[in-house]
Amino acid sequence: MEEKGLKVILHASAFFAPCLVPILFFIFIKDEEVKRLSVQALLFQFVMWLLVIIGGILTITIILAIIGIPMMIIFGLMVVIVPIIGIVKALKGETWEYPIVGKWI
């Protein structure tokens, strides 16, 4: 499969297998750019869900709900919107890195 198709599948996997597909791509795909992107996708999902969970915990306490609810909304939306942006960029053939974790890899 060509690189563009692999990138689209990798970004779209956030909606059906956010951990499994990046791990499989990292193990079985030889292309270095796809490997780098798979690590970014996996780290992005991990960081976003961690932040959503922290927001949920903060929401439980009445005083910190002012912080927790916006955190859950913002990072919850990012979990959905960022992979869609990645799919569009991959279909156009543009290089794109995940926000937050893109500079770590």
PDB file of N, CA and C in Angstrom:
ATOM      1  N   MET A   1       0.852  -1.182   0.000  1.00  0.00           N
ATOM      2  CA  MET A   1       0.000   0.000   0.000  1.00  0.00           C
ATOM      3  C   MET A   1       0.891   1.235   0.000  1.00  0.00           C
ATOM      4  N   GLU A   2       0.477   2.241  -0.713  1.00  0.00           N
ATOM      5  CA  GLU A   2       1.300   3.432  -0.795  1.00  0.00           C
ATOM      6  C   GLU A   2       1.283   4.209   0.519  1.00  0.00           C
ATOM      7  N   GLU A   3       2.246   5.090   0.654  1.00  0.00           N
ATOM      8  CA  GLU A   3       2.438   5.847   1.893  1.00  0.00           C
ATOM      9  C   GLU A   3       1.213   6.699   2.245  1.00  0.00           C
ATOM     10  N   LYS A   4       0.595   7.329   1.256  1.00  0.00           N
ATOM     11  CA  LYS A   4      -0.564   8.178   1.509  1.00  0.00           C
ATOM     12  C   LYS A   4      -1.708   7.372   2.124  1.00  0.00           C
ATOM     13  N   GLY A   5      -1.970   6.199   1.594  1.00  0.00           N
ATOM     14  CA  GLY A   5      -3.026   5.343   2.127  1.00  0.00           C
ATOM     15  C   GLY A   5      -2.732   4.882   3.544  1.00  0.00           C
ATOM     16  N   LEU A   6      -1.466   4.567   3.807  1.00  0.00           N
ATOM     17  CA  LEU A   6      -1.084   4.153   5.152  1.00  0.00           C
ATOM     18  C   LEU A   6      -1.303   5.273   6.159  1.00  0.00           C
ATOM     19  N   LYS A   7      -0.967   6.489   5.757  1.00  0.00           N
ATOM     20  CA  LYS A   7      -1.158   7.630   6.654  1.00  0.00           C
ATOM     21  C   LYS A   7      -2.639   7.880   6.934  1.00  0.00           C
ATOM     22  N   VAL A   8      -3.467   7.745   5.911  1.00  0.00           N
ATOM     23  CA  VAL A   8      -4.913   7.932   6.098  1.00  0.00           C
ATOM     24  C   VAL A   8      -5.453   6.889   7.071  1.00  0.00           C
ATOM     25  N   ILE A   9      -5.056   5.639   6.885  1.00  0.00           N
ATOM     26  CA  ILE A   9      -5.499   4.572   7.797  1.00  0.00           C
ATOM     27  C   ILE A   9      -5.003   4.836   9.213  1.00  0.00           C
ATOM     28  N   LEU A  10      -3.781   5.290   9.334  1.00  0.00           N
ATOM     29  CA  LEU A  10      -3.212   5.567  10.649  1.00  0.00           C
ATOM     30  C   LEU A  10      -3.996   6.659  11.369  1.00  0.00           C
ATOM     31  N   HIS A  11      -4.298   7.738  10.675  1.00  0.00           N
ATOM     32  CA  HIS A  11      -5.074   8.829  11.289  1.00  0.00           C
ATOM     33  C   HIS A  11      -6.500   8.379  11.586  1.00  0.00           C
ATOM     34  N   ALA A  12      -7.108   7.638  10.684  1.00  0.00           N
ATOM     35  CA  ALA A  12      -8.488   7.192  10.874  1.00  0.00           C
ATOM     36  C   ALA A  12      -8.602   6.153  11.979  1.00  0.00           C
ATOM     37  N   SER A  13      -7.506   5.486  12.293  1.00  0.00           N
ATOM     38  CA  SER A  13      -7.558   4.466  13.340  1.00  0.00           C
ATOM     39  C   SER A  13      -7.906   5.053  14.698  1.00  0.00           C
ATOM     40  N   ALA A  14      -7.795   6.351  14.866  1.00  0.00           N
ATOM     41  CA  ALA A  14      -8.173   6.994  16.131  1.00  0.00           C
ATOM     42  C   ALA A  14      -9.638   6.744  16.455  1.00  0.00           C
ATOM     43  N   PHE A  15     -10.442   6.434  15.446  1.00  0.00           N
ATOM     44  CA  PHE A  15     -11.870   6.224  15.653  1.00  0.00           C
ATOM     45  C   PHE A  15     -12.250   4.755  15.839  1.00  0.00           C
ATOM     46  N   PHE A  16     -11.351   3.826  15.487  1.00  0.00           N
ATOM     47  CA  PHE A  16     -11.723   2.416  15.621  1.00  0.00           C
ATOM     48  C   PHE A  16     -10.681   1.564  16.347  1.00  0.00           C
ATOM     49  N   ALA A  17      -9.436   1.912  16.333  1.00  0.00           N
ATOM     50  CA  ALA A  17      -8.403   1.151  17.051  1.00  0.00           C
ATOM     51  C   ALA A  17      -7.231   2.079  17.347  1.00  0.00           C
ATOM     52  N   PRO A  18      -7.410   3.008  18.284  1.00  0.00           N
ATOM     53  CA  PRO A  18      -6.398   4.057  18.485  1.00  0.00           C
ATOM     54  C   PRO A  18      -5.039   3.563  18.969  1.00  0.00           C
ATOM     55  N   CYS A  19      -4.970   2.395  19.556  1.00  0.00           N
ATOM     56  CA  CYS A  19      -3.678   1.874  20.013  1.00  0.00           C
ATOM     57  C   CYS A  19      -3.156   0.756  19.117  1.00  0.00           C
ATOM     58  N   LEU A  20      -4.042  -0.094  18.656  1.00  0.00           N
ATOM     59  CA  LEU A  20      -3.632  -1.281  17.909  1.00  0.00           C
ATOM     60  C   LEU A  20      -2.982  -0.942  16.565  1.00  0.00           C
ATOM     61  N   VAL A  21      -3.621  -0.106  15.779  1.00  0.00           N
ATOM     62  CA  VAL A  21      -3.110   0.197  14.432  1.00  0.00           C
ATOM     63  C   VAL A  21      -1.748   0.894  14.488  1.00  0.00           C
ATOM     64  N   PRO A  22      -1.538   1.937  15.325  1.00  0.00           N
ATOM     65  CA  PRO A  22      -0.198   2.529  15.374  1.00  0.00           C
ATOM     66  C   PRO A  22       0.889   1.538  15.790  1.00  0.00           C
ATOM     67  N   ILE A  23       0.570   0.637  16.719  1.00  0.00           N
ATOM     68  CA  ILE A  23       1.561  -0.350  17.144  1.00  0.00           C
ATOM     69  C   ILE A  23       1.881  -1.310  15.988  1.00  0.00           C
ATOM     70  N   LEU A  24       0.846  -1.781  15.295  1.00  0.00           N
ATOM     71  CA  LEU A  24       1.070  -2.688  14.164  1.00  0.00           C
ATOM     72  C   LEU A  24       1.849  -2.009  13.043  1.00  0.00           C
ATOM     73  N   PHE A  25       1.509  -0.748  12.752  1.00  0.00           N
ATOM     74  CA  PHE A  25       2.240  -0.021  11.716  1.00  0.00           C
ATOM     75  C   PHE A  25       3.701   0.146  12.113  1.00  0.00           C
ATOM     76  N   PHE A  26       3.948   0.448  13.374  1.00  0.00           N
ATOM     77  CA  PHE A  26       5.327   0.622  13.821  1.00  0.00           C
ATOM     78  C   PHE A  26       6.122  -0.671  13.667  1.00  0.00           C
ATOM     79  N   ILE A  27       5.489  -1.784  13.953  1.00  0.00           N
ATOM     80  CA  ILE A  27       6.184  -3.072  13.892  1.00  0.00           C
ATOM     81  C   ILE A  27       6.393  -3.548  12.448  1.00  0.00           C
ATOM     82  N   PHE A  28       5.351  -3.428  11.601  1.00  0.00           N
ATOM     83  CA  PHE A  28       5.385  -4.092  10.293  1.00  0.00           C
ATOM     84  C   PHE A  28       5.704  -3.189   9.094  1.00  0.00           C
ATOM     85  N   ILE A  29       5.559  -1.901   9.198  1.00  0.00           N
ATOM     86  CA  ILE A  29       5.808  -1.002   8.060  1.00  0.00           C
ATOM     87  C   ILE A  29       7.262  -0.553   8.093  1.00  0.00           C
ATOM     88  N   LYS A  30       7.902  -0.579   6.950  1.00  0.00           N
ATOM     89  CA  LYS A  30       9.327  -0.249   6.865  1.00  0.00           C
ATOM     90  C   LYS A  30       9.592   1.245   6.672  1.00  0.00           C
ATOM     91  N   ASP A  31       8.627   1.988   6.157  1.00  0.00           N
ATOM     92  CA  ASP A  31       8.799   3.415   5.876  1.00  0.00           C
ATOM     93  C   ASP A  31       9.019   4.191   7.177  1.00  0.00           C
ATOM     94  N   GLU A  32      10.110   4.939   7.250  1.00  0.00           N
ATOM     95  CA  GLU A  32      10.465   5.665   8.473  1.00  0.00           C
ATOM     96  C   GLU A  32       9.471   6.775   8.811  1.00  0.00           C
ATOM     97  N   GLU A  33       8.938   7.453   7.805  1.00  0.00           N
ATOM     98  CA  GLU A  33       7.976   8.526   8.071  1.00  0.00           C
ATOM     99  C   GLU A  33       6.681   7.966   8.663  1.00  0.00           C
ATOM    100  N   VAL A  34       6.228   6.832   8.167  1.00  0.00           N
ATOM    101  CA  VAL A  34       5.021   6.192   8.704  1.00  0.00           C
ATOM    102  C   VAL A  34       5.280   5.691  10.121  1.00  0.00           C
ATOM    103  N   LYS A  35       6.479   5.168  10.367  1.00  0.00           N
ATOM    104  CA  LYS A  35       6.828   4.723  11.723  1.00  0.00           C
ATOM    105  C   LYS A  35       6.806   5.898  12.699  1.00  0.00           C
ATOM    106  N   ARG A  36       7.394   7.012  12.293  1.00  0.00           N
ATOM    107  CA  ARG A  36       7.431   8.206  13.144  1.00  0.00           C
ATOM    108  C   ARG A  36       6.021   8.704  13.425  1.00  0.00           C
ATOM    109  N   LEU A  37       5.190   8.719  12.398  1.00  0.00           N
ATOM    110  CA  LEU A  37       3.811   9.167  12.548  1.00  0.00           C
ATOM    111  C   LEU A  37       3.006   8.209  13.426  1.00  0.00           C
ATOM    112  N   SER A  38       3.302   6.916  13.356  1.00  0.00           N
ATOM    113  CA  SER A  38       2.580   5.956  14.196  1.00  0.00           C
ATOM    114  C   SER A  38       2.914   6.156  15.675  1.00  0.00           C
ATOM    115  N   VAL A  39       4.160   6.470  15.974  1.00  0.00           N
ATOM    116  CA  VAL A  39       4.526   6.759  17.363  1.00  0.00           C
ATOM    117  C   VAL A  39       3.837   8.036  17.827  1.00  0.00           C
ATOM    118  N   GLN A  40       3.802   9.048  16.967  1.00  0.00           N
ATOM    119  CA  GLN A  40       3.109  10.292  17.309  1.00  0.00           C
ATOM    120  C   GLN A  40       1.629  10.052  17.560  1.00  0.00           C
ATOM    121  N   ALA A  41       0.995   9.243  16.708  1.00  0.00           N
ATOM    122  CA  ALA A  41      -0.433   8.964  16.862  1.00  0.00           C
ATOM    123  C   ALA A  41      -0.705   8.258  18.185  1.00  0.00           C
ATOM    124  N   LEU A  42       0.123   7.297  18.523  1.00  0.00           N
ATOM    125  CA  LEU A  42      -0.043   6.559  19.772  1.00  0.00           C
ATOM    126  C   LEU A  42       0.158   7.476  20.975  1.00  0.00           C
ATOM    127  N   LEU A  43       1.213   8.273  20.966  1.00  0.00           N
ATOM    128  CA  LEU A  43       1.465   9.207  22.062  1.00  0.00           C
ATOM    129  C   LEU A  43       0.358  10.256  22.169  1.00  0.00           C
ATOM    130  N   PHE A  44      -0.119  10.746  21.031  1.00  0.00           N
ATOM    131  CA  PHE A  44      -1.189  11.748  21.044  1.00  0.00           C
ATOM    132  C   PHE A  44      -2.433  11.183  21.705  1.00  0.00           C
ATOM    133  N   GLN A  45      -2.830   9.974  21.331  1.00  0.00           N
ATOM    134  CA  GLN A  45      -4.012   9.359  21.938  1.00  0.00           C
ATOM    135  C   GLN A  45      -3.813   9.183  23.443  1.00  0.00           C
ATOM    136  N   PHE A  46      -2.649   8.725  23.839  1.00  0.00           N
ATOM    137  CA  PHE A  46      -2.367   8.528  25.251  1.00  0.00           C
ATOM    138  C   PHE A  46      -2.451   9.849  26.024  1.00  0.00           C
ATOM    139  N   VAL A  47      -1.807  10.893  25.518  1.00  0.00           N
ATOM    140  CA  VAL A  47      -1.792  12.189  26.203  1.00  0.00           C
ATOM    141  C   VAL A  47      -3.191  12.787  26.256  1.00  0.00           C
ATOM    142  N   MET A  48      -3.938  12.731  25.156  1.00  0.00           N
ATOM    143  CA  MET A  48      -5.282  13.313  25.149  1.00  0.00           C
ATOM    144  C   MET A  48      -6.210  12.596  26.120  1.00  0.00           C
ATOM    145  N   TRP A  49      -6.189  11.274  26.135  1.00  0.00           N
ATOM    146  CA  TRP A  49      -7.064  10.544  27.059  1.00  0.00           C
ATOM    147  C   TRP A  49      -6.645  10.750  28.500  1.00  0.00           C
ATOM    148  N   LEU A  50      -5.357  10.892  28.740  1.00  0.00           N
ATOM    149  CA  LEU A  50      -4.885  11.202  30.086  1.00  0.00           C
ATOM    150  C   LEU A  50      -5.417  12.561  30.538  1.00  0.00           C
ATOM    151  N   LEU A  51      -5.370  13.556  29.643  1.00  0.00           N
ATOM    152  CA  LEU A  51      -5.882  14.884  29.982  1.00  0.00           C
ATOM    153  C   LEU A  51      -7.391  14.876  30.175  1.00  0.00           C
ATOM    154  N   VAL A  52      -8.125  14.097  29.388  1.00  0.00           N
ATOM    155  CA  VAL A  52      -9.571  13.987  29.570  1.00  0.00           C
ATOM    156  C   VAL A  52      -9.884  13.340  30.922  1.00  0.00           C
ATOM    157  N   ILE A  53      -9.129  12.318  31.297  1.00  0.00           N
ATOM    158  CA  ILE A  53      -9.335  11.663  32.591  1.00  0.00           C
ATOM    159  C   ILE A  53      -9.026  12.625  33.734  1.00  0.00           C
ATOM    160  N   ILE A  54      -7.948  13.383  33.615  1.00  0.00           N
ATOM    161  CA  ILE A  54      -7.620  14.378  34.641  1.00  0.00           C
ATOM    162  C   ILE A  54      -8.742  15.410  34.750  1.00  0.00           C
ATOM    163  N   GLY A  55      -9.271  15.846  33.600  1.00  0.00           N
ATOM    164  CA  GLY A  55     -10.400  16.772  33.620  1.00  0.00           C
ATOM    165  C   GLY A  55     -11.612  16.171  34.309  1.00  0.00           C
ATOM    166  N   GLY A  56     -11.855  14.890  34.086  1.00  0.00           N
ATOM    167  CA  GLY A  56     -12.969  14.205  34.746  1.00  0.00           C
ATOM    168  C   GLY A  56     -12.780  14.141  36.244  1.00  0.00           C
ATOM    169  N   ILE A  57     -11.561  13.869  36.666  1.00  0.00           N
ATOM    170  CA  ILE A  57     -11.271  13.825  38.101  1.00  0.00           C
ATOM    171  C   ILE A  57     -11.451  15.209  38.723  1.00  0.00           C
ATOM    172  N   LEU A  58     -10.987  16.233  38.027  1.00  0.00           N
ATOM    173  CA  LEU A  58     -11.157  17.595  38.542  1.00  0.00           C
ATOM    174  C   LEU A  58     -12.626  18.007  38.596  1.00  0.00           C
ATOM    175  N   THR A  59     -13.439  17.469  37.699  1.00  0.00           N
ATOM    176  CA  THR A  59     -14.855  17.799  37.665  1.00  0.00           C
ATOM    177  C   THR A  59     -15.588  17.255  38.889  1.00  0.00           C
ATOM    178  N   ILE A  60     -15.094  16.171  39.460  1.00  0.00           N
ATOM    179  CA  ILE A  60     -15.741  15.565  40.626  1.00  0.00           C
ATOM    180  C   ILE A  60     -15.760  16.531  41.806  1.00  0.00           C
ATOM    181  N   THR A  61     -14.675  17.267  41.983  1.00  0.00           N
ATOM    182  CA  THR A  61     -14.654  18.239  43.079  1.00  0.00           C
ATOM    183  C   THR A  61     -15.356  19.502  42.607  1.00  0.00           C
ATOM    184  N   ILE A  62     -16.215  20.024  43.436  1.00  0.00           N
ATOM    185  CA  ILE A  62     -17.060  21.165  43.035  1.00  0.00           C
ATOM    186  C   ILE A  62     -16.228  22.393  42.700  1.00  0.00           C
ATOM    187  N   ILE A  63     -15.221  22.681  43.487  1.00  0.00           N
ATOM    188  CA  ILE A  63     -14.424  23.891  43.262  1.00  0.00           C
ATOM    189  C   ILE A  63     -13.617  23.778  41.977  1.00  0.00           C
ATOM    190  N   LEU A  64     -13.055  22.613  41.702  1.00  0.00           N
ATOM    191  CA  LEU A  64     -12.214  22.451  40.523  1.00  0.00           C
ATOM    192  C   LEU A  64     -12.999  22.111  39.258  1.00  0.00           C
ATOM    193  N   ALA A  65     -14.325  22.006  39.363  1.00  0.00           N
ATOM    194  CA  ALA A  65     -15.146  21.734  38.181  1.00  0.00           C
ATOM    195  C   ALA A  65     -15.015  22.851  37.156  1.00  0.00           C
ATOM    196  N   ILE A  66     -14.693  24.040  37.620  1.00  0.00           N
ATOM    197  CA  ILE A  66     -14.501  25.176  36.708  1.00  0.00           C
ATOM    198  C   ILE A  66     -13.334  24.898  35.762  1.00  0.00           C
ATOM    199  N   ILE A  67     -12.362  24.156  36.208  1.00  0.00           N
ATOM    200  CA  ILE A  67     -11.217  23.787  35.379  1.00  0.00           C
ATOM    201  C   ILE A  67     -11.492  22.474  34.648  1.00  0.00           C
ATOM    202  N   GLY A  68     -12.076  21.513  35.327  1.00  0.00           N
ATOM    203  CA  GLY A  68     -12.246  20.167  34.791  1.00  0.00           C
ATOM    204  C   GLY A  68     -13.182  20.084  33.603  1.00  0.00           C
ATOM    205  N   ILE A  69     -14.323  20.754  33.671  1.00  0.00           N
ATOM    206  CA  ILE A  69     -15.295  20.672  32.566  1.00  0.00           C
ATOM    207  C   ILE A  69     -14.728  21.235  31.277  1.00  0.00           C
ATOM    208  N   PRO A  70     -14.127  22.434  31.279  1.00  0.00           N
ATOM    209  CA  PRO A  70     -13.518  22.916  30.030  1.00  0.00           C
ATOM    210  C   PRO A  70     -12.397  22.011  29.516  1.00  0.00           C
ATOM    211  N   MET A  71     -11.611  21.428  30.442  1.00  0.00           N
ATOM    212  CA  MET A  71     -10.553  20.505  30.014  1.00  0.00           C
ATOM    213  C   MET A  71     -11.145  19.314  29.286  1.00  0.00           C
ATOM    214  N   MET A  72     -12.194  18.729  29.848  1.00  0.00           N
ATOM    215  CA  MET A  72     -12.815  17.566  29.215  1.00  0.00           C
ATOM    216  C   MET A  72     -13.382  17.923  27.848  1.00  0.00           C
ATOM    217  N   ILE A  73     -13.996  19.090  27.735  1.00  0.00           N
ATOM    218  CA  ILE A  73     -14.583  19.498  26.456  1.00  0.00           C
ATOM    219  C   ILE A  73     -13.497  19.751  25.415  1.00  0.00           C
ATOM    220  N   ILE A  74     -12.497  20.540  25.775  1.00  0.00           N
ATOM    221  CA  ILE A  74     -11.451  20.918  24.809  1.00  0.00           C
ATOM    222  C   ILE A  74     -10.653  19.700  24.347  1.00  0.00           C
ATOM    223  N   PHE A  75     -10.177  18.899  25.291  1.00  0.00           N
ATOM    224  CA  PHE A  75      -9.350  17.753  24.910  1.00  0.00           C
ATOM    225  C   PHE A  75     -10.180  16.638  24.288  1.00  0.00           C
ATOM    226  N   GLY A  76     -11.436  16.520  24.689  1.00  0.00           N
ATOM    227  CA  GLY A  76     -12.335  15.567  24.039  1.00  0.00           C
ATOM    228  C   GLY A  76     -12.568  15.918  22.577  1.00  0.00           C
ATOM    229  N   LEU A  77     -12.728  17.211  22.306  1.00  0.00           N
ATOM    230  CA  LEU A  77     -12.871  17.658  20.910  1.00  0.00           C
ATOM    231  C   LEU A  77     -11.582  17.438  20.125  1.00  0.00           C
ATOM    232  N   MET A  78     -10.454  17.658  20.773  1.00  0.00           N
ATOM    233  CA  MET A  78      -9.171  17.449  20.087  1.00  0.00           C
ATOM    234  C   MET A  78      -8.983  15.998  19.678  1.00  0.00           C
ATOM    235  N   VAL A  79      -9.463  15.067  20.492  1.00  0.00           N
ATOM    236  CA  VAL A  79      -9.346  13.643  20.172  1.00  0.00           C
ATOM    237  C   VAL A  79     -10.082  13.324  18.871  1.00  0.00           C
ATOM    238  N   VAL A  80     -11.134  14.083  18.568  1.00  0.00           N
ATOM    239  CA  VAL A  80     -11.910  13.850  17.350  1.00  0.00           C
ATOM    240  C   VAL A  80     -11.400  14.697  16.187  1.00  0.00           C
ATOM    241  N   ILE A  81     -11.118  15.970  16.425  1.00  0.00           N
ATOM    242  CA  ILE A  81     -10.796  16.908  15.347  1.00  0.00           C
ATOM    243  C   ILE A  81      -9.388  16.697  14.780  1.00  0.00           C
ATOM    244  N   VAL A  82      -8.410  16.464  15.633  1.00  0.00           N
ATOM    245  CA  VAL A  82      -7.024  16.343  15.170  1.00  0.00           C
ATOM    246  C   VAL A  82      -6.831  15.189  14.186  1.00  0.00           C
ATOM    247  N   PRO A  83      -7.386  13.987  14.439  1.00  0.00           N
ATOM    248  CA  PRO A  83      -7.236  12.930  13.425  1.00  0.00           C
ATOM    249  C   PRO A  83      -7.907  13.278  12.092  1.00  0.00           C
ATOM    250  N   ILE A  84      -9.012  14.006  12.133  1.00  0.00           N
ATOM    251  CA  ILE A  84      -9.672  14.416  10.890  1.00  0.00           C
ATOM    252  C   ILE A  84      -8.757  15.352  10.098  1.00  0.00           C
ATOM    253  N   ILE A  85      -8.107  16.282  10.784  1.00  0.00           N
ATOM    254  CA  ILE A  85      -7.150  17.172  10.116  1.00  0.00           C
ATOM    255  C   ILE A  85      -6.017  16.347   9.507  1.00  0.00           C
ATOM    256  N   GLY A  86      -5.541  15.337  10.252  1.00  0.00           N
ATOM    257  CA  GLY A  86      -4.484  14.468   9.735  1.00  0.00           C
ATOM    258  C   GLY A  86      -4.917  13.714   8.494  1.00  0.00           C
ATOM    259  N   ILE A  87      -6.161  13.226   8.470  1.00  0.00           N
ATOM    260  CA  ILE A  87      -6.677  12.515   7.295  1.00  0.00           C
ATOM    261  C   ILE A  87      -6.694  13.439   6.081  1.00  0.00           C
ATOM    262  N   VAL A  88      -7.195  14.649   6.266  1.00  0.00           N
ATOM    263  CA  VAL A  88      -7.268  15.611   5.156  1.00  0.00           C
ATOM    264  C   VAL A  88      -5.869  15.944   4.644  1.00  0.00           C
ATOM    265  N   LYS A  89      -4.937  16.189   5.553  1.00  0.00           N
ATOM    266  CA  LYS A  89      -3.558  16.498   5.141  1.00  0.00           C
ATOM    267  C   LYS A  89      -2.925  15.306   4.417  1.00  0.00           C
ATOM    268  N   ALA A  90      -3.179  14.086   4.889  1.00  0.00           N
ATOM    269  CA  ALA A  90      -2.614  12.899   4.242  1.00  0.00           C
ATOM    270  C   ALA A  90      -3.190  12.712   2.843  1.00  0.00           C
ATOM    271  N   LEU A  91      -4.487  12.973   2.687  1.00  0.00           N
ATOM    272  CA  LEU A  91      -5.099  12.856   1.354  1.00  0.00           C
ATOM    273  C   LEU A  91      -4.522  13.874   0.380  1.00  0.00           C
ATOM    274  N   LYS A  92      -4.132  15.032   0.884  1.00  0.00           N
ATOM    275  CA  LYS A  92      -3.512  16.061   0.034  1.00  0.00           C
ATOM    276  C   LYS A  92      -2.034  15.775  -0.208  1.00  0.00           C
ATOM    277  N   GLY A  93      -1.475  14.809   0.516  1.00  0.00           N
ATOM    278  CA  GLY A  93      -0.060  14.479   0.359  1.00  0.00           C
ATOM    279  C   GLY A  93       0.863  15.394   1.138  1.00  0.00           C
ATOM    280  N   GLU A  94       0.310  16.139   2.090  1.00  0.00           N
ATOM    281  CA  GLU A  94       1.112  17.072   2.873  1.00  0.00           C
ATOM    282  C   GLU A  94       1.682  16.374   4.105  1.00  0.00           C
ATOM    283  N   THR A  95       2.861  16.825   4.521  1.00  0.00           N
ATOM    284  CA  THR A  95       3.459  16.317   5.751  1.00  0.00           C
ATOM    285  C   THR A  95       2.806  17.026   6.917  1.00  0.00           C
ATOM    286  N   TRP A  96       2.450  16.256   7.935  1.00  0.00           N
ATOM    287  CA  TRP A  96       1.767  16.824   9.090  1.00  0.00           C
ATOM    288  C   TRP A  96       2.165  16.069  10.335  1.00  0.00           C
ATOM    289  N   GLU A  97       2.348  16.792  11.424  1.00  0.00           N
ATOM    290  CA  GLU A  97       2.696  16.175  12.699  1.00  0.00           C
ATOM    291  C   GLU A  97       1.610  16.472  13.714  1.00  0.00           C
ATOM    292  N   TYR A  98       1.415  15.536  14.627  1.00  0.00           N
ATOM    293  CA  TYR A  98       0.413  15.717  15.673  1.00  0.00           C
ATOM    294  C   TYR A  98       0.825  16.857  16.591  1.00  0.00           C
ATOM    295  N   PRO A  99      -0.147  17.675  17.011  1.00  0.00           N
ATOM    296  CA  PRO A  99       0.192  18.741  17.964  1.00  0.00           C
ATOM    297  C   PRO A  99       0.569  18.130  19.316  1.00  0.00           C
ATOM    298  N   ILE A 100       1.281  18.841  20.081  1.00  0.00           N
ATOM    299  CA  ILE A 100       1.766  18.483  21.403  1.00  0.00           C
ATOM    300  C   ILE A 100       2.889  17.456  21.308  1.00  0.00           C
ATOM    301  N   VAL A 101       2.662  16.296  20.723  1.00  0.00           N
ATOM    302  CA  VAL A 101       3.670  15.231  20.715  1.00  0.00           C
ATOM    303  C   VAL A 101       4.532  15.236  19.458  1.00  0.00           C
ATOM    304  N   GLY A 102       4.190  16.027  18.464  1.00  0.00           N
ATOM    305  CA  GLY A 102       4.934  16.038  17.208  1.00  0.00           C
ATOM    306  C   GLY A 102       6.390  16.418  17.361  1.00  0.00           C
ATOM    307  N   LYS A 103       6.665  17.305  18.291  1.00  0.00           N
ATOM    308  CA  LYS A 103       8.048  17.752  18.507  1.00  0.00           C
ATOM    309  C   LYS A 103       8.827  16.790  19.398  1.00  0.00           C
ATOM    310  N   TRP A 104       8.143  15.880  20.079  1.00  0.00           N
ATOM    311  CA  TRP A 104       8.823  14.923  20.952  1.00  0.00           C
ATOM    312  C   TRP A 104       9.526  13.834  20.169  1.00  0.00           C
ATOM    313  N   ILE A 105       9.034  13.532  18.973  1.00  0.00           N
ATOM    314  CA  ILE A 105       9.557  12.405  18.203  1.00  0.00           C
ATOM    315  C   ILE A 105      10.534  12.924  17.162  1.00  0.00           C
TER     316      ILE A 105
END
